[in-house]
C-alpha atoms as a PDB file:
ATOM      1  CA  UNK A   1      -0.015   0.013   0.024  1.00  0.00           C
ATOM      2  CA  UNK A   2       1.263   3.534  -0.725  1.00  0.00           C
ATOM      3  CA  UNK A   3       0.296   6.855   0.191  1.00  0.00           C
ATOM      4  CA  UNK A   4      -2.658   8.380  -1.770  1.00  0.00           C
ATOM      5  CA  UNK A   5      -2.115  11.520  -4.003  1.00  0.00           C
ATOM      6  CA  UNK A   6      -5.450  12.946  -3.402  1.00  0.00           C
ATOM      7  CA  UNK A   7      -7.276  13.647  -0.289  1.00  0.00           C
ATOM      8  CA  UNK A   8     -10.733  12.100  -1.848  1.00  0.00           C
ATOM      9  CA  UNK A   9     -11.195   9.999  -4.574  1.00  0.00           C
ATOM     10  CA  UNK A  10     -14.262   8.057  -5.864  1.00  0.00           C
ATOM     11  CA  UNK A  11     -13.572   5.049  -8.195  1.00  0.00           C
ATOM     12  CA  UNK A  12     -16.500   3.388 -10.139  1.00  0.00           C
ATOM     13  CA  UNK A  13     -15.954  -0.108 -10.029  1.00  0.00           C
ATOM     14  CA  UNK A  14     -18.219  -0.909 -13.279  1.00  0.00           C
ATOM     15  CA  UNK A  15     -20.519  -3.211 -11.239  1.00  0.00           C
ATOM     16  CA  UNK A  16     -22.720  -0.261  -9.977  1.00  0.00           C
ATOM     17  CA  UNK A  17     -20.454  -0.132  -6.923  1.00  0.00           C
ATOM     18  CA  UNK A  18     -17.836   2.576  -6.025  1.00  0.00           C
ATOM     19  CA  UNK A  19     -14.644   2.798  -3.956  1.00  0.00           C
ATOM     20  CA  UNK A  20     -14.012   5.712  -1.763  1.00  0.00           C
ATOM     21  CA  UNK A  21     -10.645   6.723  -0.809  1.00  0.00           C
ATOM     22  CA  UNK A  22     -10.230   9.379   1.785  1.00  0.00           C
ATOM     23  CA  UNK A  23      -6.836  10.732   3.189  1.00  0.00           C
ATOM     24  CA  UNK A  24      -7.350  12.853   6.321  1.00  0.00           C
ATOM     25  CA  UNK A  25      -4.363  15.526   6.738  1.00  0.00           C
ATOM     26  CA  UNK A  26      -2.982  15.048   3.264  1.00  0.00           C
ATOM     27  CA  UNK A  27      -0.405  17.604   2.374  1.00  0.00           C
ATOM     28  CA  UNK A  28       3.113  17.873   0.890  1.00  0.00           C
ATOM     29  CA  UNK A  29       4.217  17.556   4.768  1.00  0.00           C
ATOM     30  CA  UNK A  30       1.979  14.782   5.662  1.00  0.00           C
ATOM     31  CA  UNK A  31       2.813  12.180   3.121  1.00  0.00           C
ATOM     32  CA  UNK A  32       3.175   9.308   5.411  1.00  0.00           C
ATOM     33  CA  UNK A  33       0.431   6.644   6.377  1.00  0.00           C
ATOM     34  CA  UNK A  34      -0.294   6.777  10.179  1.00  0.00           C
ATOM     35  CA  UNK A  35      -3.216   4.643  10.186  1.00  0.00           C
ATOM     36  CA  UNK A  36      -5.652   2.767   7.686  1.00  0.00           C
ATOM     37  CA  UNK A  37      -9.045   1.533   7.778  1.00  0.00           C
ATOM     38  CA  UNK A  38     -10.928  -0.451   5.194  1.00  0.00           C
ATOM     39  CA  UNK A  39     -14.675  -0.250   5.485  1.00  0.00           C
ATOM     40  CA  UNK A  40     -14.632   1.150   8.778  1.00  0.00           C
ATOM     41  CA  UNK A  41     -12.282  -1.748  10.270  1.00  0.00           C
ATOM     42  CA  UNK A  42      -8.628  -0.963  11.172  1.00  0.00           C
ATOM     43  CA  UNK A  43      -6.203  -2.517   8.757  1.00  0.00           C
ATOM     44  CA  UNK A  44      -2.655  -3.355  10.204  1.00  0.00           C
ATOM     45  CA  UNK A  45      -1.032  -4.914   6.919  1.00  0.00           C
ATOM     46  CA  UNK A  46       0.600  -3.216   3.964  1.00  0.00           C
ATOM     47  CA  UNK A  47      -1.284  -5.028   1.582  1.00  0.00           C
ATOM     48  CA  UNK A  48      -5.159  -6.208   1.358  1.00  0.00           C
ATOM     49  CA  UNK A  49      -7.088  -8.771  -0.777  1.00  0.00           C
ATOM     50  CA  UNK A  50      -9.192  -7.680  -3.527  1.00  0.00           C
ATOM     51  CA  UNK A  51     -12.296  -9.198  -2.001  1.00  0.00           C
ATOM     52  CA  UNK A  52     -12.285  -6.397   0.783  1.00  0.00           C
ATOM     53  CA  UNK A  53     -13.005  -3.814  -1.893  1.00  0.00           C
ATOM     54  CA  UNK A  54     -14.509  -5.777  -4.987  1.00  0.00           C
ATOM     55  CA  UNK A  55     -18.005  -4.601  -3.982  1.00  0.00           C
ATOM     56  CA  UNK A  56     -17.207  -1.230  -3.232  1.00  0.00           C
ATOM     57  CA  UNK A  57     -16.512   0.351   0.269  1.00  0.00           C
ATOM     58  CA  UNK A  58     -14.062   2.833   1.610  1.00  0.00           C
ATOM     59  CA  UNK A  59     -10.423   3.008   2.336  1.00  0.00           C
ATOM     60  CA  UNK A  60      -9.530   5.765   4.926  1.00  0.00           C
ATOM     61  CA  UNK A  61      -5.988   7.010   5.658  1.00  0.00           C
ATOM     62  CA  UNK A  62      -4.761   9.170   8.294  1.00  0.00           C
ATOM     63  CA  UNK A  63      -1.679  11.012   7.051  1.00  0.00           C
ATOM     64  CA  UNK A  64       1.329  12.433   9.087  1.00  0.00           C
ATOM     65  CA  UNK A  65       4.663  13.989   8.672  1.00  0.00           C
ATOM     66  CA  UNK A  66       6.628  11.222  10.189  1.00  0.00           C
ATOM     67  CA  UNK A  67       7.074   7.613   9.085  1.00  0.00           C
ATOM     68  CA  UNK A  68       5.426   5.112  11.475  1.00  0.00           C
ATOM     69  CA  UNK A  69       4.965   1.237  11.313  1.00  0.00           C
ATOM     70  CA  UNK A  70       1.055   1.513  10.760  1.00  0.00           C
ATOM     71  CA  UNK A  71       1.223  -2.166  10.233  1.00  0.00           C
ATOM     72  CA  UNK A  72       2.114  -2.828  13.878  1.00  0.00           C
ATOM     73  CA  UNK A  73      -0.872  -2.971  16.246  1.00  0.00           C
END
């Protein structure tokens, strides 16, 4: 998983569903992922399975100015 480039993006998945990606506090300074939620559930891995987003949903990033290991609980 990598840092998003936009603070809000909606992707039409072609099946009538959408994937919404939000990045709170995103800026040139705050380019590091602090935490991630997928469909409202904290996500502690640097990857995720396609099934988590295949039917639409949300990915929420919290961004910050320092590198952290967001994959650690």
